[in-house]
Amino acid sequence: MSNKKSISVYIMNKKYFFALLISLLQFSVKAQYRPDTLLRPTMLSESIVYEDDDTNKLGVFSRYFFDAVTETGNVLHGKRTGDWYFFDVKGSLMFRGHYKDGLKTGMWEYYNNEGVKRCEIFYKAGYADSTWTGYSLYKLPIYKAKYKYGGIIDTLFTYHESGINYLTMVYRNGSPYSVVSQFDVYGHPLESGNFKFGTGVLQKYYPYGQLFSTEDYSGGSLNGEAKYLNIDGIKKAYGIILDNEKKETWTYLNYDGTEVPFATYGKPNAPFDLNMSYDSTNKSIYTPAQYPGGNKLIKDFLLMNLIYPESARKIKIEGTVWLNFEVDEIGHIRDVKIYTRIGEGCDEEAEFLIKNMPNWRPAMQMGIPVKSRVYLPVEFKLE
């Protein structure tokens, strides 16, 4: 008898500093059945080969997904050094850069799934430093900014993918100070509110001119009410922010007005707090963490590797396992948490697969790779 399981995957990426993307994937795959005694092959592995087998000398580190190299570079005295390269499961370069004493130094380059360079970033002792440039799919600049010690100084210039100016904002001491201009994709000016000298109400927009957010600022920090809208003008999040941190209860809504499950700040056992300060549809501002190759390869990964536990299959256990995990700045998966369990081995199976995924493409905030959290429910269903 064959068994089928459907796996519905809803991914919510939470940016630690400024941005949010919620994406929804739904697909069904045919369950694999294997006896519990069958040895599963190693999916993720790492190795270090030292010169003359001397751990005090230079070593070559390699990280594998099955037999494919997904990451390689040198280590010295336990720290990353020299040039490092990060690949997707098909061998395409995702990003590369240089380390010194374990810290990012010099220029790093990041590429999308099509192999197009999206940004070049300069580091000094692990911090963003000097001028950064991000590129559109048309190889036009989509942002320019000067960074010092990891923060923006002077003026941030962002552009639509077509090259038309999007938002130009002056920064002081790493914080927003004043808006020079905002334009939609047609070049029409947009009203930015009364934000000035780091204080007042700041309005931001979707690329085609629909209002995206209104935020209260004082002293260069978010202080007061903030609300974020869907492109049709319906609220999708609102609450209070004090000194750039959410306070009290924040509410997040689906298009039908119902609350997003497990996503509201202040709710018991909430796995994370979504943050929606920038419009993720404009890639000059934020690009979410992504499984290499996109949604199709997530489906392929589950299709090839997820096994319906025998004990759950026998007693017809069905349900959804809700997981939340971090994707760090170099795409490693860390801190996997389970928030809803269904038992009989399904929880452990879902957690095992998440921990054994290959490197992801990290989330990018204005060209900077940043930590983000991914919320992934996996539904087990026998038919």
Protein backbone atom coordinates (compact mmCIF):
# COMPACT_ATOMS: atom_id res chain seq x y z
CA MET A 1 0.00 0.00 0.00
CA SER A 2 1.33 3.42 -0.85
CA ASN A 3 0.92 6.36 1.48
CA LYS A 4 0.87 10.03 0.63
CA LYS A 5 1.66 13.05 2.70
CA SER A 6 1.09 16.68 1.85
CA ILE A 7 3.51 19.25 3.11
CA SER A 8 2.25 22.84 3.27
CA VAL A 9 5.04 25.28 3.88
CA TYR A 10 4.42 28.86 4.93
CA ILE A 11 7.62 30.86 5.25
CA MET A 12 7.86 34.06 7.27
CA ASN A 13 11.24 35.73 7.32
CA LYS A 14 11.93 38.10 10.15
CA LYS A 15 14.68 40.67 9.72
CA TYR A 16 16.34 41.50 13.07
CA PHE A 17 16.77 45.20 12.33
CA PHE A 18 14.36 46.73 9.87
CA ALA A 19 12.41 44.53 7.51
CA LEU A 20 9.95 41.72 6.96
CA LEU A 21 8.83 39.44 4.21
CA ILE A 22 6.00 36.94 4.55
CA SER A 23 5.85 34.45 1.67
CA LEU A 24 3.50 31.50 1.27
CA LEU A 25 4.41 28.20 -0.35
CA GLN A 26 1.94 25.36 -0.79
CA PHE A 27 2.66 22.03 -2.43
CA SER A 28 2.10 18.32 -1.96
CA VAL A 29 4.68 15.58 -2.32
CA LYS A 30 4.42 11.82 -2.23
CA ALA A 31 5.69 10.42 1.06
CA GLN A 32 8.65 8.12 1.08
CA TYR A 33 8.35 5.04 3.22
CA ARG A 34 11.45 3.37 4.57
CA PRO A 35 11.86 0.99 7.50
CA ASP A 36 13.11 2.61 10.70
CA THR A 37 16.14 0.31 10.59
CA LEU A 38 17.35 1.70 7.24
CA LEU A 39 20.47 3.85 7.65
CA ARG A 40 19.92 7.32 6.25
CA PRO A 41 22.92 8.77 4.34
CA THR A 42 24.79 11.74 5.80
CA MET A 43 23.38 14.94 4.32
CA LEU A 44 25.61 17.66 5.82
CA SER A 45 29.29 17.18 6.60
CA GLU A 46 32.43 19.25 7.15
CA SER A 47 36.15 18.60 6.87
CA ILE A 48 39.43 20.42 7.53
CA VAL A 49 42.65 19.28 5.88
CA TYR A 50 45.77 20.79 7.46
CA GLU A 51 49.12 21.30 5.84
CA ASP A 52 51.44 18.47 6.95
CA ASP A 53 48.59 17.33 9.23
CA ASP A 54 49.68 20.07 11.62
CA THR A 55 46.71 21.87 13.20
CA ASN A 56 48.95 24.90 13.84
CA LYS A 57 49.36 25.39 10.10
CA LEU A 58 46.96 26.54 7.42
CA GLY A 59 43.95 24.30 6.91
CA VAL A 60 41.43 23.99 4.08
CA PHE A 61 37.82 23.88 5.32
CA SER A 62 35.05 22.35 3.21
CA ARG A 63 31.33 22.02 3.92
CA TYR A 64 29.28 19.50 1.92
CA PHE A 65 25.65 18.80 1.16
CA PHE A 66 25.84 15.13 0.26
CA ASP A 67 28.80 15.22 -2.20
CA ALA A 68 28.41 18.84 -3.32
CA VAL A 69 30.79 21.46 -1.89
CA THR A 70 28.73 24.38 -0.57
CA GLU A 71 31.45 26.32 1.25
CA THR A 72 35.24 26.36 1.22
CA GLY A 73 38.12 28.47 2.50
CA ASN A 74 41.16 28.52 4.76
CA VAL A 75 41.39 28.43 8.54
CA LEU A 76 44.35 29.30 10.73
CA HIS A 77 44.41 28.67 14.48
CA GLY A 78 40.66 28.03 14.38
CA LYS A 79 39.79 31.29 12.58
CA ARG A 80 38.66 31.90 9.02
CA THR A 81 41.31 33.55 6.87
CA GLY A 82 41.87 34.37 3.21
CA ASP A 83 39.33 33.98 0.42
CA TRP A 84 36.09 32.07 1.05
CA TYR A 85 33.51 30.85 -1.46
CA PHE A 86 29.87 29.83 -0.91
CA PHE A 87 27.94 27.77 -3.49
CA ASP A 88 24.40 26.55 -3.96
CA VAL A 89 23.57 22.87 -4.35
CA LYS A 90 24.09 23.08 -8.11
CA GLY A 91 27.57 24.54 -7.76
CA SER A 92 26.69 28.15 -8.66
CA LEU A 93 28.48 30.86 -6.69
CA MET A 94 26.19 32.59 -4.17
CA PHE A 95 28.74 34.91 -2.55
CA ARG A 96 32.45 35.26 -1.85
CA GLY A 97 34.77 37.38 0.22
CA HIS A 98 37.85 37.63 2.40
CA TYR A 99 38.47 37.01 6.10
CA LYS A 100 41.28 38.15 8.36
CA ASP A 101 41.54 36.75 11.90
CA GLY A 102 37.98 35.45 11.58
CA LEU A 103 36.47 38.81 10.57
CA LYS A 104 35.18 39.94 7.18
CA THR A 105 37.65 42.30 5.52
CA GLY A 106 37.71 43.90 2.09
CA MET A 107 35.15 43.46 -0.68
CA TRP A 108 32.41 40.83 -0.60
CA GLU A 109 30.27 40.07 -3.65
CA TYR A 110 26.73 38.61 -3.64
CA TYR A 111 24.92 36.97 -6.57
CA ASN A 112 21.30 35.99 -7.19
CA ASN A 113 19.95 32.67 -8.51
CA GLU A 114 20.63 33.76 -12.09
CA GLY A 115 24.29 34.53 -11.35
CA VAL A 116 23.80 38.30 -11.53
CA LYS A 117 25.85 40.30 -9.02
CA ARG A 118 23.45 42.19 -6.76
CA CYS A 119 25.88 44.05 -4.53
CA GLU A 120 29.46 44.59 -3.48
CA ILE A 121 30.20 45.30 0.15
CA PHE A 122 33.37 46.52 1.79
CA TYR A 123 34.27 45.46 5.32
CA LYS A 124 36.88 46.50 7.83
CA ALA A 125 37.43 44.28 10.90
CA GLY A 126 33.96 42.78 10.50
CA TYR A 127 32.06 46.06 10.07
CA ALA A 128 30.56 47.60 6.97
CA ASP A 129 32.96 50.33 5.94
CA SER A 130 33.37 52.68 2.97
CA THR A 131 30.92 53.00 0.06
CA TRP A 132 28.56 50.15 -0.84
CA THR A 133 26.71 49.66 -4.10
CA GLY A 134 23.79 47.38 -4.94
CA TYR A 135 22.75 46.47 -8.47
CA SER A 136 19.40 45.78 -10.16
CA LEU A 137 18.73 42.90 -12.53
CA TYR A 138 19.58 45.40 -15.27
CA LYS A 139 23.01 46.02 -13.65
CA LEU A 140 21.95 49.53 -12.64
CA PRO A 141 22.68 50.85 -9.12
CA ILE A 142 19.69 50.42 -6.80
CA TYR A 143 21.34 51.83 -3.71
CA LYS A 144 24.43 53.73 -2.71
CA ALA A 145 25.48 54.42 0.83
CA LYS A 146 28.57 55.18 2.82
CA TYR A 147 29.06 53.14 5.96
CA LYS A 148 31.33 53.51 8.96
CA TYR A 149 31.54 50.96 11.78
CA GLY A 150 28.49 49.21 10.33
CA GLY A 151 26.19 52.27 10.24
CA ILE A 152 25.14 54.61 7.44
CA ILE A 153 26.73 58.05 7.46
CA ASP A 154 25.88 61.01 5.27
CA THR A 155 23.21 60.15 2.64
CA LEU A 156 21.45 56.97 1.54
CA PHE A 157 20.44 56.87 -2.13
CA THR A 158 18.00 54.14 -3.25
CA TYR A 159 16.60 53.54 -6.72
CA HIS A 160 13.87 51.54 -8.37
CA GLU A 161 15.01 48.56 -10.46
CA SER A 162 14.62 50.76 -13.54
CA GLY A 163 17.16 53.27 -12.19
CA ILE A 164 14.65 56.00 -11.23
CA ASN A 165 15.25 57.57 -7.81
CA TYR A 166 13.23 55.93 -5.05
CA LEU A 167 14.21 57.36 -1.63
CA THR A 168 17.01 59.74 -0.71
CA MET A 169 17.53 60.17 3.03
CA VAL A 170 20.12 62.01 5.12
CA TYR A 171 21.54 60.17 8.16
CA ARG A 172 23.19 61.61 11.26
CA ASN A 173 25.09 59.38 13.69
CA GLY A 174 23.67 56.31 11.98
CA SER A 175 20.03 57.41 12.35
CA PRO A 176 17.51 58.89 9.86
CA TYR A 177 17.63 62.70 9.95
CA SER A 178 15.67 64.05 6.99
CA VAL A 179 14.13 62.98 3.69
CA VAL A 180 15.44 64.69 0.60
CA SER A 181 12.94 63.10 -1.79
CA GLN A 182 10.76 60.09 -2.59
CA PHE A 183 9.54 59.05 -6.05
CA ASP A 184 7.41 56.24 -7.46
CA VAL A 185 8.50 54.13 -10.45
CA TYR A 186 7.12 56.77 -12.82
CA GLY A 187 9.22 59.54 -11.29
CA HIS A 188 6.27 61.21 -9.55
CA PRO A 189 7.19 62.83 -6.19
CA LEU A 190 5.68 61.33 -3.02
CA GLU A 191 4.74 63.15 0.20
CA SER A 192 7.06 62.07 3.02
CA GLY A 193 5.06 63.55 5.92
CA ASN A 194 6.39 66.14 8.36
CA PHE A 195 9.56 64.18 9.26
CA LYS A 196 12.46 66.62 9.75
CA PHE A 197 15.61 66.78 11.89
CA GLY A 198 14.97 63.19 13.02
CA THR A 199 11.49 64.02 14.37
CA GLY A 200 7.93 63.78 13.06
CA VAL A 201 5.78 61.38 11.04
CA LEU A 202 7.55 59.60 8.18
CA GLN A 203 5.57 58.08 5.32
CA LYS A 204 6.98 55.40 2.98
CA TYR A 205 5.48 53.94 -0.16
CA TYR A 206 5.24 50.89 -2.38
CA PRO A 207 7.14 51.31 -5.68
CA TYR A 208 3.94 52.25 -7.54
CA GLY A 209 3.00 54.93 -5.03
CA GLN A 210 0.59 53.20 -2.62
CA LEU A 211 1.20 54.12 1.02
CA PHE A 212 3.19 51.42 2.81
CA SER A 213 3.80 52.83 6.30
CA THR A 214 3.50 55.75 8.68
CA GLU A 215 5.94 55.93 11.61
CA ASP A 216 6.44 58.40 14.44
CA TYR A 217 10.05 59.51 15.05
CA SER A 218 11.80 61.62 17.66
CA GLY A 219 15.53 62.17 18.02
CA GLY A 220 16.24 59.93 15.04
CA SER A 221 14.52 56.91 16.67
CA LEU A 222 11.13 55.34 16.16
CA ASN A 223 8.95 56.60 19.02
CA GLY A 224 5.17 56.34 19.00
CA GLU A 225 2.59 54.80 16.72
CA ALA A 226 3.46 52.87 13.59
CA LYS A 227 1.26 51.15 11.06
CA TYR A 228 1.96 49.17 7.90
CA LEU A 229 -0.47 48.63 5.05
CA ASN A 230 -1.09 46.11 2.31
CA ILE A 231 -0.88 47.43 -1.22
CA ASP A 232 -4.69 47.81 -1.27
CA GLY A 233 -4.57 50.09 1.79
CA ILE A 234 -5.77 47.53 4.34
CA LYS A 235 -3.71 47.48 7.54
CA LYS A 236 -1.42 44.49 7.96
CA ALA A 237 0.40 45.51 11.17
CA TYR A 238 0.18 48.21 13.83
CA GLY A 239 1.42 49.02 17.32
CA ILE A 240 3.69 51.18 19.48
CA ILE A 241 7.47 51.57 19.11
CA LEU A 242 9.70 53.24 21.74
CA ASP A 243 13.42 53.77 21.09
CA ASN A 244 13.23 51.53 18.01
CA GLU A 245 11.74 48.61 19.97
CA LYS A 246 8.16 47.36 19.84
CA LYS A 247 6.19 47.78 23.06
CA GLU A 248 2.89 46.50 24.34
CA THR A 249 0.95 44.29 21.88
CA TRP A 250 1.54 44.37 18.14
CA THR A 251 -1.07 42.98 15.79
CA TYR A 252 -0.42 41.39 12.37
CA LEU A 253 -3.31 40.68 10.00
CA ASN A 254 -3.94 38.49 6.98
CA TYR A 255 -5.75 39.92 3.95
CA ASP A 256 -9.07 38.67 5.34
CA GLY A 257 -8.52 40.54 8.62
CA THR A 258 -7.65 37.47 10.72
CA GLU A 259 -4.49 37.53 12.81
CA VAL A 260 -1.33 35.88 11.51
CA PRO A 261 -0.80 32.75 13.69
CA PHE A 262 2.11 32.87 16.15
CA ALA A 263 3.19 36.24 14.77
CA THR A 264 1.91 38.86 17.20
CA TYR A 265 4.34 40.50 19.58
CA GLY A 266 3.29 39.96 23.18
CA LYS A 267 1.26 36.80 22.60
CA PRO A 268 2.19 33.80 24.77
CA ASN A 269 4.74 31.48 23.16
CA ALA A 270 5.12 33.70 20.09
CA PRO A 271 8.13 32.30 18.21
CA PHE A 272 9.28 35.65 16.91
CA ASP A 273 8.30 39.28 16.49
CA LEU A 274 7.77 40.29 12.88
CA ASN A 275 9.18 43.67 11.95
CA MET A 276 7.83 45.60 8.99
CA SER A 277 9.75 48.85 8.75
CA TYR A 278 10.54 48.63 5.04
CA ASP A 279 8.73 47.40 1.98
CA SER A 280 10.31 44.09 1.02
CA THR A 281 8.98 44.35 -2.54
CA ASN A 282 11.70 46.91 -3.28
CA LYS A 283 14.92 44.90 -3.45
CA SER A 284 17.04 47.99 -2.91
CA ILE A 285 15.79 47.90 0.69
CA TYR A 286 15.43 44.25 1.67
CA THR A 287 15.84 40.79 0.21
CA PRO A 288 14.69 37.88 2.41
CA ALA A 289 16.68 34.76 3.17
CA GLN A 290 16.10 32.18 0.45
CA TYR A 291 16.70 28.50 -0.02
CA PRO A 292 19.26 28.23 -2.86
CA GLY A 293 17.44 27.82 -6.14
CA GLY A 294 14.14 29.06 -4.74
CA ASN A 295 10.84 27.39 -3.86
CA LYS A 296 11.15 24.63 -6.47
CA LEU A 297 14.27 23.24 -4.83
CA ILE A 298 12.69 23.35 -1.36
CA LYS A 299 10.01 21.06 -2.78
CA ASP A 300 12.67 18.83 -4.32
CA PHE A 301 14.59 18.70 -1.03
CA LEU A 302 11.51 17.54 0.89
CA LEU A 303 10.44 15.17 -1.88
CA MET A 304 13.79 13.41 -1.82
CA ASN A 305 14.48 13.41 1.91
CA LEU A 306 11.37 13.61 4.11
CA ILE A 307 10.23 10.23 5.44
CA TYR A 308 6.83 9.70 7.10
CA PRO A 309 7.69 8.01 10.42
CA GLU A 310 6.58 4.39 10.59
CA SER A 311 5.00 4.74 14.04
CA ALA A 312 2.95 7.76 12.88
CA ARG A 313 1.93 5.96 9.70
CA LYS A 314 0.69 2.89 11.57
CA ILE A 315 -1.64 4.79 13.90
CA LYS A 316 -2.52 7.43 11.26
CA ILE A 317 -1.02 10.45 13.01
CA GLU A 318 -1.59 13.64 10.99
CA GLY A 319 -1.09 17.33 11.73
CA THR A 320 1.27 20.28 11.40
CA VAL A 321 4.70 20.70 12.96
CA TRP A 322 5.52 24.40 13.34
CA LEU A 323 9.23 25.25 13.29
CA ASN A 324 11.22 28.46 13.51
CA PHE A 325 14.94 28.81 12.76
CA GLU A 326 17.66 31.36 12.19
CA VAL A 327 19.52 31.85 8.92
CA ASP A 328 22.75 33.64 9.81
CA GLU A 329 24.90 36.03 7.73
CA ILE A 330 26.62 33.23 5.82
CA GLY A 331 23.49 31.15 5.30
CA HIS A 332 23.94 28.58 8.06
CA ILE A 333 20.80 27.32 9.81
CA ARG A 334 20.89 27.69 13.59
CA ASP A 335 18.63 27.66 16.64
CA VAL A 336 15.85 25.43 15.29
CA LYS A 337 12.77 25.52 17.52
CA ILE A 338 9.55 23.53 17.41
CA TYR A 339 6.41 25.37 18.56
CA THR A 340 3.66 22.89 17.75
CA ARG A 341 4.22 19.14 17.99
CA ILE A 342 2.21 16.17 16.74
CA GLY A 343 4.41 13.38 18.08
CA GLU A 344 5.23 9.84 16.92
CA GLY A 345 8.50 10.94 15.29
CA CYS A 346 7.05 13.65 13.02
CA ASP A 347 8.54 16.47 15.11
CA GLU A 348 12.00 14.91 15.03
CA GLU A 349 11.73 14.24 11.29
CA ALA A 350 10.84 17.86 10.52
CA GLU A 351 13.61 19.17 12.78
CA PHE A 352 16.17 16.79 11.27
CA LEU A 353 15.46 18.01 7.74
CA ILE A 354 15.66 21.69 8.70
CA LYS A 355 19.00 21.15 10.44
CA ASN A 356 20.34 19.30 7.41
CA MET A 357 19.41 21.78 4.70
CA PRO A 358 22.30 23.23 2.68
CA ASN A 359 23.41 26.84 3.12
CA TRP A 360 20.71 29.42 2.34
CA ARG A 361 21.22 32.80 0.74
CA PRO A 362 21.16 35.18 3.73
CA ALA A 363 18.69 38.04 4.04
CA MET A 364 20.07 41.35 2.77
CA GLN A 365 19.23 44.73 4.31
CA MET A 366 20.32 47.52 1.97
CA GLY A 367 23.01 45.21 0.69
CA ILE A 368 24.18 44.00 4.09
CA PRO A 369 23.85 40.27 4.83
CA VAL A 370 21.96 39.95 8.10
CA LYS A 371 20.53 37.30 10.40
CA SER A 372 16.87 36.51 9.86
CA ARG A 373 14.37 33.99 11.14
CA VAL A 374 12.29 31.67 8.99
CA TYR A 375 8.95 30.30 10.22
CA LEU A 376 8.12 26.97 8.59
CA PRO A 377 5.06 24.81 9.33
CA VAL A 378 5.22 21.29 7.89
CA GLU A 379 1.93 19.43 7.56
CA PHE A 380 1.89 15.62 7.70
CA LYS A 381 -1.20 14.15 6.12
CA LEU A 382 -2.02 10.61 5.05
CA GLU A 383 -4.48 10.10 2.21
